[in-house]
Amino acid sequence: MKKIAVLGAVLENPKESSQKFNEILANFKGIIKGRMGIPFEEEDMSVISIIVTGTLDQINSLTGKLGNINGVTVKTSISKKEVN
């Protein structure tokens, strides 16, 4: 069964990590329902929230791949309720 989740990501050096970050997101485009990014140019950081609907395996895989990028921190909140 699928669940709804929100991933919060902080890119500490977006110039170096954003290309890989976006490549991974493209591989998961089927489960991504929305995305919002806010640049903090003076601090050389970006904060991105991603809304997904997928299985726990899909959500955990996306979170893990993004979290393995150097300079990226990701936290995920997953709904307890299952959806279709």
PDB file of N, CA and C in Angstrom:
ATOM      1  N   MET A   1       0.831  -1.198   0.000  1.00  0.00           N
ATOM      2  CA  MET A   1       0.000   0.000   0.000  1.00  0.00           C
ATOM      3  C   MET A   1       0.871   1.255   0.000  1.00  0.00           C
ATOM      4  N   LYS A   2       0.274   2.320  -0.491  1.00  0.00           N
ATOM      5  CA  LYS A   2       0.979   3.581  -0.603  1.00  0.00           C
ATOM      6  C   LYS A   2       0.706   4.469   0.604  1.00  0.00           C
ATOM      7  N   LYS A   3       1.646   5.361   0.829  1.00  0.00           N
ATOM      8  CA  LYS A   3       1.519   6.362   1.883  1.00  0.00           C
ATOM      9  C   LYS A   3       1.911   7.716   1.307  1.00  0.00           C
ATOM     10  N   ILE A   4       1.447   8.756   1.968  1.00  0.00           N
ATOM     11  CA  ILE A   4       1.836  10.115   1.597  1.00  0.00           C
ATOM     12  C   ILE A   4       2.972  10.532   2.519  1.00  0.00           C
ATOM     13  N   ALA A   5       3.968  11.213   1.950  1.00  0.00           N
ATOM     14  CA  ALA A   5       5.107  11.649   2.756  1.00  0.00           C
ATOM     15  C   ALA A   5       5.586  13.010   2.273  1.00  0.00           C
ATOM     16  N   VAL A   6       6.245  13.713   3.168  1.00  0.00           N
ATOM     17  CA  VAL A   6       6.924  14.958   2.811  1.00  0.00           C
ATOM     18  C   VAL A   6       8.394  14.792   3.165  1.00  0.00           C
ATOM     19  N   LEU A   7       9.252  15.127   2.209  1.00  0.00           N
ATOM     20  CA  LEU A   7      10.692  15.084   2.425  1.00  0.00           C
ATOM     21  C   LEU A   7      11.175  16.517   2.531  1.00  0.00           C
ATOM     22  N   GLY A   8      11.910  16.809   3.567  1.00  0.00           N
ATOM     23  CA  GLY A   8      12.528  18.118   3.730  1.00  0.00           C
ATOM     24  C   GLY A   8      14.021  17.977   3.508  1.00  0.00           C
ATOM     25  N   ALA A   9      14.564  18.737   2.579  1.00  0.00           N
ATOM     26  CA  ALA A   9      15.988  18.631   2.254  1.00  0.00           C
ATOM     27  C   ALA A   9      16.663  19.987   2.377  1.00  0.00           C
ATOM     28  N   VAL A  10      17.865  19.967   2.946  1.00  0.00           N
ATOM     29  CA  VAL A  10      18.700  21.160   3.020  1.00  0.00           C
ATOM     30  C   VAL A  10      19.960  20.890   2.207  1.00  0.00           C
ATOM     31  N   LEU A  11      20.195  21.720   1.202  1.00  0.00           N
ATOM     32  CA  LEU A  11      21.401  21.618   0.387  1.00  0.00           C
ATOM     33  C   LEU A  11      22.355  22.697   0.866  1.00  0.00           C
ATOM     34  N   GLU A  12      23.471  22.276   1.457  1.00  0.00           N
ATOM     35  CA  GLU A  12      24.396  23.236   2.062  1.00  0.00           C
ATOM     36  C   GLU A  12      25.306  23.904   1.039  1.00  0.00           C
ATOM     37  N   ASN A  13      25.441  23.320  -0.140  1.00  0.00           N
ATOM     38  CA  ASN A  13      26.192  23.939  -1.214  1.00  0.00           C
ATOM     39  C   ASN A  13      25.496  23.579  -2.522  1.00  0.00           C
ATOM     40  N   PRO A  14      24.384  24.254  -2.821  1.00  0.00           N
ATOM     41  CA  PRO A  14      23.558  23.840  -3.952  1.00  0.00           C
ATOM     42  C   PRO A  14      24.264  23.863  -5.300  1.00  0.00           C
ATOM     43  N   LYS A  15      25.258  24.697  -5.460  1.00  0.00           N
ATOM     44  CA  LYS A  15      25.974  24.729  -6.747  1.00  0.00           C
ATOM     45  C   LYS A  15      26.652  23.403  -7.039  1.00  0.00           C
ATOM     46  N   GLU A  16      27.068  22.704  -5.997  1.00  0.00           N
ATOM     47  CA  GLU A  16      27.755  21.429  -6.177  1.00  0.00           C
ATOM     48  C   GLU A  16      26.813  20.226  -6.104  1.00  0.00           C
ATOM     49  N   SER A  17      25.698  20.342  -5.383  1.00  0.00           N
ATOM     50  CA  SER A  17      24.844  19.169  -5.159  1.00  0.00           C
ATOM     51  C   SER A  17      23.540  19.168  -5.946  1.00  0.00           C
ATOM     52  N   SER A  18      23.133  20.294  -6.510  1.00  0.00           N
ATOM     53  CA  SER A  18      21.805  20.365  -7.124  1.00  0.00           C
ATOM     54  C   SER A  18      21.669  19.502  -8.377  1.00  0.00           C
ATOM     55  N   GLN A  19      22.722  19.341  -9.159  1.00  0.00           N
ATOM     56  CA  GLN A  19      22.609  18.525 -10.365  1.00  0.00           C
ATOM     57  C   GLN A  19      22.301  17.070 -10.012  1.00  0.00           C
ATOM     58  N   LYS A  20      23.064  16.504  -9.097  1.00  0.00           N
ATOM     59  CA  LYS A  20      22.832  15.119  -8.664  1.00  0.00           C
ATOM     60  C   LYS A  20      21.466  15.000  -7.983  1.00  0.00           C
ATOM     61  N   PHE A  21      21.115  15.981  -7.165  1.00  0.00           N
ATOM     62  CA  PHE A  21      19.822  16.003  -6.477  1.00  0.00           C
ATOM     63  C   PHE A  21      18.682  15.925  -7.492  1.00  0.00           C
ATOM     64  N   ASN A  22      18.743  16.763  -8.531  1.00  0.00           N
ATOM     65  CA  ASN A  22      17.686  16.794  -9.543  1.00  0.00           C
ATOM     66  C   ASN A  22      17.665  15.523 -10.396  1.00  0.00           C
ATOM     67  N   GLU A  23      18.821  14.926 -10.650  1.00  0.00           N
ATOM     68  CA  GLU A  23      18.872  13.657 -11.389  1.00  0.00           C
ATOM     69  C   GLU A  23      18.138  12.555 -10.624  1.00  0.00           C
ATOM     70  N   ILE A  24      18.345  12.501  -9.322  1.00  0.00           N
ATOM     71  CA  ILE A  24      17.673  11.489  -8.500  1.00  0.00           C
ATOM     72  C   ILE A  24      16.172  11.744  -8.492  1.00  0.00           C
ATOM     73  N   LEU A  25      15.761  13.008  -8.334  1.00  0.00           N
ATOM     74  CA  LEU A  25      14.333  13.322  -8.358  1.00  0.00           C
ATOM     75  C   LEU A  25      13.708  12.911  -9.689  1.00  0.00           C
ATOM     76  N   ALA A  26      14.414  13.099 -10.785  1.00  0.00           N
ATOM     77  CA  ALA A  26      13.884  12.719 -12.104  1.00  0.00           C
ATOM     78  C   ALA A  26      13.626  11.218 -12.168  1.00  0.00           C
ATOM     79  N   ASN A  27      14.458  10.431 -11.486  1.00  0.00           N
ATOM     80  CA  ASN A  27      14.277   8.973 -11.466  1.00  0.00           C
ATOM     81  C   ASN A  27      13.048   8.555 -10.655  1.00  0.00           C
ATOM     82  N   PHE A  28      12.550   9.434  -9.810  1.00  0.00           N
ATOM     83  CA  PHE A  28      11.391   9.138  -8.962  1.00  0.00           C
ATOM     84  C   PHE A  28      10.183   9.995  -9.341  1.00  0.00           C
ATOM     85  N   LYS A  29      10.169  10.529 -10.557  1.00  0.00           N
ATOM     86  CA  LYS A  29       9.105  11.460 -10.949  1.00  0.00           C
ATOM     87  C   LYS A  29       7.712  10.845 -10.860  1.00  0.00           C
ATOM     88  N   GLY A  30       7.607   9.534 -10.916  1.00  0.00           N
ATOM     89  CA  GLY A  30       6.307   8.885 -10.844  1.00  0.00           C
ATOM     90  C   GLY A  30       5.632   8.987  -9.488  1.00  0.00           C
ATOM     91  N   ILE A  31       6.397   9.212  -8.428  1.00  0.00           N
ATOM     92  CA  ILE A  31       5.798   9.303  -7.092  1.00  0.00           C
ATOM     93  C   ILE A  31       5.764  10.736  -6.556  1.00  0.00           C
ATOM     94  N   ILE A  32       6.416  11.665  -7.244  1.00  0.00           N
ATOM     95  CA  ILE A  32       6.480  13.044  -6.770  1.00  0.00           C
ATOM     96  C   ILE A  32       5.215  13.790  -7.175  1.00  0.00           C
ATOM     97  N   LYS A  33       4.535  14.359  -6.192  1.00  0.00           N
ATOM     98  CA  LYS A  33       3.295  15.104  -6.430  1.00  0.00           C
ATOM     99  C   LYS A  33       3.506  16.609  -6.390  1.00  0.00           C
ATOM    100  N   GLY A  34       4.533  17.073  -5.706  1.00  0.00           N
ATOM    101  CA  GLY A  34       4.791  18.503  -5.620  1.00  0.00           C
ATOM    102  C   GLY A  34       6.169  18.769  -5.049  1.00  0.00           C
ATOM    103  N   ARG A  35       6.662  19.963  -5.368  1.00  0.00           N
ATOM    104  CA  ARG A  35       8.007  20.335  -4.913  1.00  0.00           C
ATOM    105  C   ARG A  35       8.056  21.850  -4.765  1.00  0.00           C
ATOM    106  N   MET A  36       8.704  22.283  -3.686  1.00  0.00           N
ATOM    107  CA  MET A  36       8.912  23.711  -3.481  1.00  0.00           C
ATOM    108  C   MET A  36      10.334  23.918  -2.992  1.00  0.00           C
ATOM    109  N   GLY A  37      11.028  24.828  -3.622  1.00  0.00           N
ATOM    110  CA  GLY A  37      12.400  25.129  -3.217  1.00  0.00           C
ATOM    111  C   GLY A  37      12.553  26.600  -2.899  1.00  0.00           C
ATOM    112  N   ILE A  38      13.304  26.866  -1.860  1.00  0.00           N
ATOM    113  CA  ILE A  38      13.570  28.247  -1.457  1.00  0.00           C
ATOM    114  C   ILE A  38      15.090  28.431  -1.386  1.00  0.00           C
ATOM    115  N   PRO A  39      15.641  29.282  -2.234  1.00  0.00           N
ATOM    116  CA  PRO A  39      17.089  29.532  -2.168  1.00  0.00           C
ATOM    117  C   PRO A  39      17.424  30.533  -1.054  1.00  0.00           C
ATOM    118  N   PHE A  40      18.499  30.247  -0.382  1.00  0.00           N
ATOM    119  CA  PHE A  40      19.075  31.180   0.586  1.00  0.00           C
ATOM    120  C   PHE A  40      20.455  31.542   0.038  1.00  0.00           C
ATOM    121  N   GLU A  41      20.462  32.466  -0.941  1.00  0.00           N
ATOM    122  CA  GLU A  41      21.678  32.757  -1.688  1.00  0.00           C
ATOM    123  C   GLU A  41      22.782  33.328  -0.813  1.00  0.00           C
ATOM    124  N   GLU A  42      22.440  34.195   0.122  1.00  0.00           N
ATOM    125  CA  GLU A  42      23.471  34.796   0.981  1.00  0.00           C
ATOM    126  C   GLU A  42      24.157  33.750   1.854  1.00  0.00           C
ATOM    127  N   GLU A  43      23.419  32.703   2.220  1.00  0.00           N
ATOM    128  CA  GLU A  43      23.969  31.638   3.058  1.00  0.00           C
ATOM    129  C   GLU A  43      24.526  30.489   2.226  1.00  0.00           C
ATOM    130  N   ASP A  44      24.389  30.550   0.886  1.00  0.00           N
ATOM    131  CA  ASP A  44      24.812  29.485  -0.028  1.00  0.00           C
ATOM    132  C   ASP A  44      24.144  28.164   0.349  1.00  0.00           C
ATOM    133  N   MET A  45      22.811  28.230   0.522  1.00  0.00           N
ATOM    134  CA  MET A  45      22.021  27.054   0.879  1.00  0.00           C
ATOM    135  C   MET A  45      20.693  27.098   0.144  1.00  0.00           C
ATOM    136  N   SER A  46      20.040  25.946   0.044  1.00  0.00           N
ATOM    137  CA  SER A  46      18.678  25.850  -0.469  1.00  0.00           C
ATOM    138  C   SER A  46      17.897  24.905   0.428  1.00  0.00           C
ATOM    139  N   VAL A  47      16.607  25.198   0.592  1.00  0.00           N
ATOM    140  CA  VAL A  47      15.715  24.325   1.352  1.00  0.00           C
ATOM    141  C   VAL A  47      14.617  23.878   0.397  1.00  0.00           C
ATOM    142  N   ILE A  48      14.402  22.572   0.315  1.00  0.00           N
ATOM    143  CA  ILE A  48      13.446  22.011  -0.637  1.00  0.00           C
ATOM    144  C   ILE A  48      12.508  21.067   0.090  1.00  0.00           C
ATOM    145  N   SER A  49      11.202  21.191  -0.202  1.00  0.00           N
ATOM    146  CA  SER A  49      10.236  20.232   0.309  1.00  0.00           C
ATOM    147  C   SER A  49       9.643  19.493  -0.886  1.00  0.00           C
ATOM    148  N   ILE A  50       9.473  18.186  -0.724  1.00  0.00           N
ATOM    149  CA  ILE A  50       8.977  17.331  -1.790  1.00  0.00           C
ATOM    150  C   ILE A  50       7.843  16.483  -1.221  1.00  0.00           C
ATOM    151  N   ILE A  51       6.690  16.516  -1.880  1.00  0.00           N
ATOM    152  CA  ILE A  51       5.541  15.716  -1.475  1.00  0.00           C
ATOM    153  C   ILE A  51       5.488  14.495  -2.392  1.00  0.00           C
ATOM    154  N   VAL A  52       5.397  13.301  -1.795  1.00  0.00           N
ATOM    155  CA  VAL A  52       5.361  12.066  -2.578  1.00  0.00           C
ATOM    156  C   VAL A  52       4.218  11.165  -2.110  1.00  0.00           C
ATOM    157  N   THR A  53       3.784  10.304  -3.020  1.00  0.00           N
ATOM    158  CA  THR A  53       2.849   9.238  -2.701  1.00  0.00           C
ATOM    159  C   THR A  53       3.454   7.960  -3.258  1.00  0.00           C
ATOM    160  N   GLY A  54       3.823   7.033  -2.369  1.00  0.00           N
ATOM    161  CA  GLY A  54       4.449   5.802  -2.825  1.00  0.00           C
ATOM    162  C   GLY A  54       4.502   4.764  -1.720  1.00  0.00           C
ATOM    163  N   THR A  55       5.089   3.633  -2.063  1.00  0.00           N
ATOM    164  CA  THR A  55       5.273   2.583  -1.064  1.00  0.00           C
ATOM    165  C   THR A  55       6.386   2.999  -0.110  1.00  0.00           C
ATOM    166  N   LEU A  56       6.445   2.341   1.024  1.00  0.00           N
ATOM    167  CA  LEU A  56       7.527   2.639   1.965  1.00  0.00           C
ATOM    168  C   LEU A  56       8.887   2.403   1.329  1.00  0.00           C
ATOM    169  N   ASP A  57       9.005   1.358   0.517  1.00  0.00           N
ATOM    170  CA  ASP A  57      10.279   1.081  -0.156  1.00  0.00           C
ATOM    171  C   ASP A  57      10.672   2.229  -1.080  1.00  0.00           C
ATOM    172  N   GLN A  58       9.715   2.754  -1.843  1.00  0.00           N
ATOM    173  CA  GLN A  58      10.006   3.858  -2.753  1.00  0.00           C
ATOM    174  C   GLN A  58      10.410   5.115  -1.989  1.00  0.00           C
ATOM    175  N   ILE A  59       9.661   5.433  -0.943  1.00  0.00           N
ATOM    176  CA  ILE A  59       9.940   6.631  -0.152  1.00  0.00           C
ATOM    177  C   ILE A  59      11.304   6.518   0.523  1.00  0.00           C
ATOM    178  N   ASN A  60      11.580   5.370   1.124  1.00  0.00           N
ATOM    179  CA  ASN A  60      12.869   5.173   1.796  1.00  0.00           C
ATOM    180  C   ASN A  60      14.024   5.169   0.810  1.00  0.00           C
ATOM    181  N   SER A  61      13.811   4.616  -0.380  1.00  0.00           N
ATOM    182  CA  SER A  61      14.861   4.614  -1.395  1.00  0.00           C
ATOM    183  C   SER A  61      15.196   6.040  -1.830  1.00  0.00           C
ATOM    184  N   LEU A  62      14.175   6.845  -2.084  1.00  0.00           N
ATOM    185  CA  LEU A  62      14.399   8.237  -2.468  1.00  0.00           C
ATOM    186  C   LEU A  62      15.119   8.998  -1.366  1.00  0.00           C
ATOM    187  N   THR A  63      14.649   8.841  -0.130  1.00  0.00           N
ATOM    188  CA  THR A  63      15.281   9.520   0.999  1.00  0.00           C
ATOM    189  C   THR A  63      16.749   9.125   1.130  1.00  0.00           C
ATOM    190  N   GLY A  64      17.029   7.829   1.016  1.00  0.00           N
ATOM    191  CA  GLY A  64      18.403   7.345   1.144  1.00  0.00           C
ATOM    192  C   GLY A  64      19.313   7.868   0.060  1.00  0.00           C
ATOM    193  N   LYS A  65      18.844   7.851  -1.181  1.00  0.00           N
ATOM    194  CA  LYS A  65      19.668   8.325  -2.296  1.00  0.00           C
ATOM    195  C   LYS A  65      19.970   9.817  -2.168  1.00  0.00           C
ATOM    196  N   LEU A  66      18.961  10.598  -1.789  1.00  0.00           N
ATOM    197  CA  LEU A  66      19.191  12.034  -1.617  1.00  0.00           C
ATOM    198  C   LEU A  66      20.128  12.301  -0.446  1.00  0.00           C
ATOM    199  N   GLY A  67      19.953  11.554   0.638  1.00  0.00           N
ATOM    200  CA  GLY A  67      20.789  11.747   1.823  1.00  0.00           C
ATOM    201  C   GLY A  67      22.239  11.346   1.626  1.00  0.00           C
ATOM    202  N   ASN A  68      22.518  10.533   0.610  1.00  0.00           N
ATOM    203  CA  ASN A  68      23.897  10.121   0.325  1.00  0.00           C
ATOM    204  C   ASN A  68      24.673  11.152  -0.473  1.00  0.00           C
ATOM    205  N   ILE A  69      24.009  12.200  -0.927  1.00  0.00           N
ATOM    206  CA  ILE A  69      24.701  13.262  -1.661  1.00  0.00           C
ATOM    207  C   ILE A  69      25.457  14.116  -0.651  1.00  0.00           C
ATOM    208  N   ASN A  70      26.711  14.385  -0.940  1.00  0.00           N
ATOM    209  CA  ASN A  70      27.540  15.206  -0.062  1.00  0.00           C
ATOM    210  C   ASN A  70      26.926  16.604   0.083  1.00  0.00           C
ATOM    211  N   GLY A  71      26.735  17.052   1.321  1.00  0.00           N
ATOM    212  CA  GLY A  71      26.200  18.378   1.588  1.00  0.00           C
ATOM    213  C   GLY A  71      24.687  18.448   1.622  1.00  0.00           C
ATOM    214  N   VAL A  72      23.999  17.286   1.551  1.00  0.00           N
ATOM    215  CA  VAL A  72      22.539  17.263   1.575  1.00  0.00           C
ATOM    216  C   VAL A  72      22.066  16.539   2.834  1.00  0.00           C
ATOM    217  N   THR A  73      21.142  17.161   3.557  1.00  0.00           N
ATOM    218  CA  THR A  73      20.507  16.547   4.719  1.00  0.00           C
ATOM    219  C   THR A  73      19.026  16.401   4.407  1.00  0.00           C
ATOM    220  N   VAL A  74      18.483  15.193   4.646  1.00  0.00           N
ATOM    221  CA  VAL A  74      17.080  14.922   4.317  1.00  0.00           C
ATOM    222  C   VAL A  74      16.387  14.301   5.523  1.00  0.00           C
ATOM    223  N   LYS A  75      15.183  14.761   5.803  1.00  0.00           N
ATOM    224  CA  LYS A  75      14.320  14.165   6.812  1.00  0.00           C
ATOM    225  C   LYS A  75      12.968  13.909   6.163  1.00  0.00           C
ATOM    226  N   THR A  76      12.328  12.817   6.544  1.00  0.00           N
ATOM    227  CA  THR A  76      11.067  12.435   5.938  1.00  0.00           C
ATOM    228  C   THR A  76      10.007  12.198   7.003  1.00  0.00           C
ATOM    229  N   SER A  77       8.814  12.680   6.720  1.00  0.00           N
ATOM    230  CA  SER A  77       7.663  12.427   7.573  1.00  0.00           C
ATOM    231  C   SER A  77       6.650  11.655   6.736  1.00  0.00           C
ATOM    232  N   ILE A  78       6.260  10.464   7.217  1.00  0.00           N
ATOM    233  CA  ILE A  78       5.395   9.564   6.465  1.00  0.00           C
ATOM    234  C   ILE A  78       4.058   9.417   7.190  1.00  0.00           C
ATOM    235  N   SER A  79       2.964   9.472   6.410  1.00  0.00           N
ATOM    236  CA  SER A  79       1.641   9.330   6.993  1.00  0.00           C
ATOM    237  C   SER A  79       1.457   7.935   7.586  1.00  0.00           C
ATOM    238  N   LYS A  80       0.677   7.842   8.629  1.00  0.00           N
ATOM    239  CA  LYS A  80       0.335   6.540   9.194  1.00  0.00           C
ATOM    240  C   LYS A  80      -0.763   5.893   8.361  1.00  0.00           C
ATOM    241  N   LYS A  81      -1.609   6.708   7.777  1.00  0.00           N
ATOM    242  CA  LYS A  81      -2.742   6.235   6.976  1.00  0.00           C
ATOM    243  C   LYS A  81      -2.264   5.782   5.593  1.00  0.00           C
ATOM    244  N   GLU A  82      -2.813   4.660   5.136  1.00  0.00           N
ATOM    245  CA  GLU A  82      -2.497   4.190   3.800  1.00  0.00           C
ATOM    246  C   GLU A  82      -3.501   4.774   2.810  1.00  0.00           C
ATOM    247  N   VAL A  83      -3.042   5.031   1.569  1.00  0.00           N
ATOM    248  CA  VAL A  83      -3.893   5.593   0.524  1.00  0.00           C
ATOM    249  C   VAL A  83      -3.845   4.679  -0.701  1.00  0.00           C
ATOM    250  N   ASN A  84      -4.779   4.883  -1.603  1.00  0.00           N
ATOM    251  CA  ASN A  84      -4.809   4.077  -2.842  1.00  0.00           C
ATOM    252  C   ASN A  84      -3.861   4.621  -3.876  1.00  0.00           C
TER     253      ASN A  84
END
